[in-house]
C-alpha atoms as a PDB file:
ATOM      1  CA  ARG A   1      73.141   1.359  79.816  1.00  0.00           C
ATOM      2  CA  ALA A   2      71.688  -2.123  79.411  1.00  0.00           C
ATOM      3  CA  ARG A   3      68.263  -0.707  78.558  1.00  0.00           C
ATOM      4  CA  PHE A   4      69.186   2.199  76.288  1.00  0.00           C
ATOM      5  CA  GLY A   5      72.449   0.943  74.748  1.00  0.00           C
ATOM      6  CA  PRO A   6      70.725  -1.315  72.183  1.00  0.00           C
ATOM      7  CA  ILE A   7      68.314   1.488  71.283  1.00  0.00           C
ATOM      8  CA  VAL A   8      71.159   3.968  70.763  1.00  0.00           C
ATOM      9  CA  ARG A   9      73.024   1.348  68.746  1.00  0.00           C
ATOM     10  CA  SER A  10      70.074   0.622  66.475  1.00  0.00           C
ATOM     11  CA  LEU A  11      69.111   4.265  65.913  1.00  0.00           C
ATOM     12  CA  THR A  12      72.708   5.326  65.281  1.00  0.00           C
ATOM     13  CA  ALA A  13      73.484   2.541  62.821  1.00  0.00           C
ATOM     14  CA  GLY A  14      70.189   3.134  61.028  1.00  0.00           C
ATOM     15  CA  PHE A  15      70.739   6.881  60.752  1.00  0.00           C
ATOM     16  CA  VAL A  16      74.357   6.599  59.641  1.00  0.00           C
ATOM     17  CA  GLY A  17      73.443   3.947  57.075  1.00  0.00           C
ATOM     18  CA  ALA A  18      70.536   5.967  55.693  1.00  0.00           C
ATOM     19  CA  HIS A  19      72.680   9.102  55.529  1.00  0.00           C
ATOM     20  CA  ALA A  20      75.969   7.591  54.337  1.00  0.00           C
ATOM     21  CA  ASP A  21      75.747   9.546  51.068  1.00  0.00           C
ATOM     22  CA  CYS A  22      75.027  12.805  52.934  1.00  0.00           C
ATOM     23  CA  ILE A  23      78.000  12.222  55.233  1.00  0.00           C
ATOM     24  CA  ALA A  24      80.313  11.389  52.317  1.00  0.00           C
ATOM     25  CA  ALA A  25      79.190  14.489  50.412  1.00  0.00           C
ATOM     26  CA  LEU A  26      79.771  16.739  53.411  1.00  0.00           C
ATOM     27  CA  VAL A  27      83.170  15.279  54.313  1.00  0.00           C
ATOM     28  CA  GLY A  28      84.353  15.327  50.692  1.00  0.00           C
ATOM     29  CA  GLY A  29      84.448  11.596  49.959  1.00  0.00           C
ATOM     30  CA  VAL A  30      84.338   8.330  51.818  1.00  0.00           C
ATOM     31  CA  PRO A  31      85.278   9.062  55.444  1.00  0.00           C
ATOM     32  CA  ASP A  32      88.465   7.507  56.751  1.00  0.00           C
ATOM     33  CA  PHE A  33      87.628   7.464  60.447  1.00  0.00           C
ATOM     34  CA  VAL A  34      84.650   7.908  62.721  1.00  0.00           C
ATOM     35  CA  LEU A  35      85.238   8.769  66.342  1.00  0.00           C
ATOM     36  CA  PRO A  36      83.152   9.764  69.322  1.00  0.00           C
ATOM     37  CA  VAL A  37      83.573  13.141  70.965  1.00  0.00           C
ATOM     38  CA  PRO A  38      85.175  12.516  74.379  1.00  0.00           C
ATOM     39  CA  SER A  39      83.174  13.466  77.432  1.00  0.00           C
ATOM     40  CA  THR A  40      84.070  16.740  79.103  1.00  0.00           C
ATOM     41  CA  LEU A  41      82.985  15.593  82.558  1.00  0.00           C
ATOM     42  CA  ARG A  42      83.277  11.812  82.753  1.00  0.00           C
ATOM     43  CA  SER A  43      86.516   9.915  82.809  1.00  0.00           C
ATOM     44  CA  GLY A  44      86.845   7.014  80.413  1.00  0.00           C
ATOM     45  CA  GLY A  45      86.116   8.814  77.173  1.00  0.00           C
ATOM     46  CA  SER A  46      82.771   8.989  75.440  1.00  0.00           C
ATOM     47  CA  PRO A  47      79.667   7.228  76.767  1.00  0.00           C
ATOM     48  CA  ILE A  48      78.709   6.201  73.228  1.00  0.00           C
ATOM     49  CA  ALA A  49      82.089   4.518  72.773  1.00  0.00           C
ATOM     50  CA  ARG A  50      81.041   2.119  75.524  1.00  0.00           C
ATOM     51  CA  VAL A  51      77.832   0.986  73.766  1.00  0.00           C
ATOM     52  CA  PRO A  52      78.498  -2.673  72.894  1.00  0.00           C
ATOM     53  CA  GLY A  53      78.537  -3.301  69.147  1.00  0.00           C
ATOM     54  CA  LEU A  54      78.102   0.350  68.133  1.00  0.00           C
ATOM     55  CA  ALA A  55      81.560   0.692  66.580  1.00  0.00           C
ATOM     56  CA  ALA A  56      81.092  -2.425  64.422  1.00  0.00           C
ATOM     57  CA  ASP A  57      77.612  -1.299  63.329  1.00  0.00           C
ATOM     58  CA  VAL A  58      78.869   2.159  62.323  1.00  0.00           C
ATOM     59  CA  GLU A  59      81.785   0.640  60.402  1.00  0.00           C
ATOM     60  CA  GLU A  60      79.314  -1.600  58.555  1.00  0.00           C
ATOM     61  CA  ALA A  61      76.986   1.326  57.798  1.00  0.00           C
ATOM     62  CA  LEU A  62      79.875   3.400  56.410  1.00  0.00           C
ATOM     63  CA  PRO A  63      81.922   0.966  54.300  1.00  0.00           C
ATOM     64  CA  GLY A  64      85.619   1.738  54.393  1.00  0.00           C
ATOM     65  CA  VAL A  65      85.496   3.749  57.609  1.00  0.00           C
ATOM     66  CA  ARG A  66      87.288   2.713  60.790  1.00  0.00           C
ATOM     67  CA  TRP A  67      86.158   3.540  64.329  1.00  0.00           C
ATOM     68  CA  THR A  68      88.951   5.046  66.364  1.00  0.00           C
ATOM     69  CA  GLY A  69      89.717   7.139  69.399  1.00  0.00           C
ATOM     70  CA  LEU A  70      92.074   9.872  68.241  1.00  0.00           C
ATOM     71  CA  LEU A  71      91.193  12.579  70.753  1.00  0.00           C
ATOM     72  CA  TYR A  72      91.705  13.235  74.419  1.00  0.00           C
ATOM     73  CA  ARG A  73      90.328  15.937  76.668  1.00  0.00           C
ATOM     74  CA  THR A  74      92.741  18.654  77.825  1.00  0.00           C
ATOM     75  CA  ASP A  75      92.327  20.887  80.874  1.00  0.00           C
ATOM     76  CA  VAL A  76      91.163  23.858  78.753  1.00  0.00           C
ATOM     77  CA  PRO A  77      87.498  24.517  79.585  1.00  0.00           C
ATOM     78  CA  VAL A  78      84.590  24.301  77.169  1.00  0.00           C
ATOM     79  CA  GLY A  79      81.677  26.498  78.138  1.00  0.00           C
ATOM     80  CA  HIS A  80      78.099  26.575  76.972  1.00  0.00           C
ATOM     81  CA  MET A  81      78.176  28.384  73.618  1.00  0.00           C
ATOM     82  CA  ARG A  82      81.934  28.852  74.069  1.00  0.00           C
ATOM     83  CA  PRO A  83      83.930  26.343  72.024  1.00  0.00           C
ATOM     84  CA  SER A  84      87.668  26.196  72.513  1.00  0.00           C
ATOM     85  CA  ALA A  85      90.082  25.043  69.824  1.00  0.00           C
ATOM     86  CA  ARG A  86      92.393  23.753  72.579  1.00  0.00           C
ATOM     87  CA  ALA A  87      89.874  21.816  74.706  1.00  0.00           C
ATOM     88  CA  PHE A  88      90.753  18.551  72.950  1.00  0.00           C
ATOM     89  CA  ALA A  89      93.954  17.302  71.367  1.00  0.00           C
ATOM     90  CA  VAL A  90      95.296  14.494  69.227  1.00  0.00           C
ATOM     91  CA  PRO A  91      98.248  12.709  70.846  1.00  0.00           C
ATOM     92  CA  PRO A  92     101.493  13.505  68.980  1.00  0.00           C
ATOM     93  CA  THR A  93     101.983   9.807  68.229  1.00  0.00           C
ATOM     94  CA  LEU A  94      98.629   9.679  66.382  1.00  0.00           C
ATOM     95  CA  ARG A  95      98.795  12.927  64.395  1.00  0.00           C
ATOM     96  CA  GLY A  96     100.029  11.066  61.323  1.00  0.00           C
ATOM     97  CA  ARG A  97      96.767   9.105  61.293  1.00  0.00           C
ATOM     98  CA  VAL A  98      94.779  12.378  61.167  1.00  0.00           C
ATOM     99  CA  ASP A  99      96.797  14.326  58.601  1.00  0.00           C
ATOM    100  CA  GLY A 100      94.868  14.677  55.338  1.00  0.00           C
ATOM    101  CA  ARG A 101      92.024  12.408  56.482  1.00  0.00           C
ATOM    102  CA  ARG A 102      88.262  12.833  56.270  1.00  0.00           C
ATOM    103  CA  LEU A 103      86.739  12.374  59.716  1.00  0.00           C
ATOM    104  CA  VAL A 104      83.271  11.964  61.194  1.00  0.00           C
ATOM    105  CA  LEU A 105      82.710  12.978  64.801  1.00  0.00           C
ATOM    106  CA  LEU A 106      79.819  11.358  66.654  1.00  0.00           C
ATOM    107  CA  ASP A 107      78.432  13.482  69.464  1.00  0.00           C
ATOM    108  CA  ASP A 108      75.973  11.887  71.857  1.00  0.00           C
ATOM    109  CA  THR A 109      73.959  15.053  72.547  1.00  0.00           C
ATOM    110  CA  TYR A 110      74.262  18.384  70.779  1.00  0.00           C
ATOM    111  CA  VAL A 111      73.145  21.252  72.999  1.00  0.00           C
ATOM    112  CA  SER A 112      75.182  24.299  72.001  1.00  0.00           C
ATOM    113  CA  GLY A 113      77.757  22.563  69.812  1.00  0.00           C
ATOM    114  CA  ALA A 114      80.678  23.832  71.878  1.00  0.00           C
ATOM    115  CA  ARG A 115      82.064  20.390  72.724  1.00  0.00           C
ATOM    116  CA  SER A 116      81.819  18.912  69.229  1.00  0.00           C
ATOM    117  CA  GLN A 117      83.076  22.121  67.586  1.00  0.00           C
ATOM    118  CA  SER A 118      86.031  22.102  69.986  1.00  0.00           C
ATOM    119  CA  ALA A 119      86.795  18.488  69.066  1.00  0.00           C
ATOM    120  CA  ALA A 120      86.522  19.287  65.351  1.00  0.00           C
ATOM    121  CA  ALA A 121      88.922  22.221  65.765  1.00  0.00           C
ATOM    122  CA  ALA A 122      91.469  19.954  67.459  1.00  0.00           C
ATOM    123  CA  LEU A 123      91.276  17.518  64.557  1.00  0.00           C
ATOM    124  CA  ARG A 124      91.667  20.319  62.006  1.00  0.00           C
ATOM    125  CA  ARG A 125      94.691  21.643  63.935  1.00  0.00           C
ATOM    126  CA  ALA A 126      96.172  18.140  63.733  1.00  0.00           C
ATOM    127  CA  GLY A 127      95.840  18.196  59.933  1.00  0.00           C
ATOM    128  CA  ALA A 128      92.447  16.633  59.137  1.00  0.00           C
ATOM    129  CA  ALA A 129      91.314  17.473  55.615  1.00  0.00           C
ATOM    130  CA  SER A 130      87.684  17.696  56.719  1.00  0.00           C
ATOM    131  CA  VAL A 131      85.538  16.993  59.751  1.00  0.00           C
ATOM    132  CA  VAL A 132      81.777  16.430  59.877  1.00  0.00           C
ATOM    133  CA  ILE A 133      79.822  16.314  63.125  1.00  0.00           C
ATOM    134  CA  VAL A 134      76.943  13.864  63.429  1.00  0.00           C
ATOM    135  CA  ALA A 135      74.862  14.523  66.531  1.00  0.00           C
ATOM    136  CA  LEU A 136      72.920  11.526  67.783  1.00  0.00           C
ATOM    137  CA  GLY A 137      70.591  13.691  69.833  1.00  0.00           C
ATOM    138  CA  ARG A 138      69.755  17.373  69.658  1.00  0.00           C
ATOM    139  CA  VAL A 139      68.307  19.530  72.408  1.00  0.00           C
ATOM    140  CA  LEU A 140      65.661  21.860  71.015  1.00  0.00           C
ATOM    141  CA  ARG A 141      63.872  24.424  73.130  1.00  0.00           C
ATOM    142  CA  PRO A 142      61.138  25.883  70.918  1.00  0.00           C
ATOM    143  CA  ASP A 143      59.532  27.576  73.912  1.00  0.00           C
ATOM    144  CA  ARG A 144      62.733  29.549  74.634  1.00  0.00           C
ATOM    145  CA  VAL A 145      64.600  29.791  71.339  1.00  0.00           C
ATOM    146  CA  PRO A 146      62.750  31.247  68.336  1.00  0.00           C
ATOM    147  CA  ALA A 147      65.152  29.598  65.865  1.00  0.00           C
ATOM    148  CA  HIS A 148      64.283  26.185  67.324  1.00  0.00           C
ATOM    149  CA  ALA A 149      60.556  26.891  66.991  1.00  0.00           C
ATOM    150  CA  GLU A 150      61.087  28.039  63.401  1.00  0.00           C
ATOM    151  CA  PHE A 151      63.120  24.930  62.573  1.00  0.00           C
ATOM    152  CA  LEU A 152      60.486  22.609  64.018  1.00  0.00           C
ATOM    153  CA  GLY A 153      57.775  24.520  62.173  1.00  0.00           C
ATOM    154  CA  ARG A 154      59.549  23.853  58.858  1.00  0.00           C
ATOM    155  CA  ARG A 155      60.269  20.188  59.597  1.00  0.00           C
ATOM    156  CA  HIS A 156      57.479  17.707  59.375  1.00  0.00           C
ATOM    157  CA  LEU A 157      59.713  14.682  59.083  1.00  0.00           C
ATOM    158  CA  ALA A 158      56.895  12.332  58.177  1.00  0.00           C
ATOM    159  CA  ASP A 159      56.050  14.576  55.211  1.00  0.00           C
ATOM    160  CA  VAL A 160      59.496  14.856  53.592  1.00  0.00           C
ATOM    161  CA  SER A 161      61.329  12.436  51.389  1.00  0.00           C
ATOM    162  CA  ILE A 162      64.660  10.983  52.483  1.00  0.00           C
ATOM    163  CA  ALA A 163      66.637  12.851  49.866  1.00  0.00           C
ATOM    164  CA  ASP A 164      66.349  15.678  47.401  1.00  0.00           C
ATOM    165  CA  VAL A 165      68.042  14.081  44.426  1.00  0.00           C
ATOM    166  CA  SER A 166      67.911  16.993  42.016  1.00  0.00           C
ATOM    167  CA  GLY A 167      71.179  18.518  40.908  1.00  0.00           C
ATOM    168  CA  PRO A 168      74.834  17.727  41.514  1.00  0.00           C
ATOM    169  CA  ARG A 169      74.812  18.964  45.120  1.00  0.00           C
ATOM    170  CA  ALA A 170      71.838  16.887  46.240  1.00  0.00           C
ATOM    171  CA  ARG A 171      71.549  16.409  49.948  1.00  0.00           C
ATOM    172  CA  CYS A 172      69.114  14.983  52.391  1.00  0.00           C
ATOM    173  CA  VAL A 173      66.276  17.308  53.283  1.00  0.00           C
ATOM    174  CA  ARG A 174      66.559  16.196  56.920  1.00  0.00           C
ATOM    175  CA  CYS A 175      70.240  17.071  57.341  1.00  0.00           C
ATOM    176  CA  VAL A 176      71.085  20.506  58.688  1.00  0.00           C
ATOM    177  CA  GLN A 177      74.399  22.145  57.860  1.00  0.00           C
ATOM    178  CA  THR A 178      75.916  24.856  60.018  1.00  0.00           C
ATOM    179  CA  ALA A 179      79.286  26.546  60.020  1.00  0.00           C
ATOM    180  CA  ALA A 180      81.492  26.172  63.078  1.00  0.00           C
ATOM    181  CA  GLY A 181      83.124  29.226  64.570  1.00  0.00           C
ATOM    182  CA  THR A 182      86.130  27.647  66.231  1.00  0.00           C
ATOM    183  CA  GLU A 183      88.811  28.203  63.609  1.00  0.00           C
END
């Protein structure tokens, strides 16, 4: 944690700051809250929530947003490629803070998306107006998954500009949007 925490903090704050406009466009305006996806295996919440200074850096990178912990893990399982809309929940006493809000979920590592999609579904069930998932790390297996190989073949990150600014729905050429199948 001492070695990698500052690296995670720097990369996360830099990415979120560089992509603040992308995040706002996807969530439908300035986000109200950013929160980490709770761990499914470890007690004590999300490992990224324990990175010193990360919450303050993310709040600075996304002006107007507040870091919060609105979710807890239930006993409903989340399987690989099997999201569950009931795997996470918002405590009844905090549902009023979620209702009608625009939220950003930070996931430490995105493998299949089941955990973050499950967390997003719980927030939507609690009344969130919109939820965007920002994965800090992504597992790609181009040797085993043709879609991953195709994606990497199209992405030469050093060769693309930060943003495609043409048209009213401009978005970053590095951001990938996918639909979640949990609702």
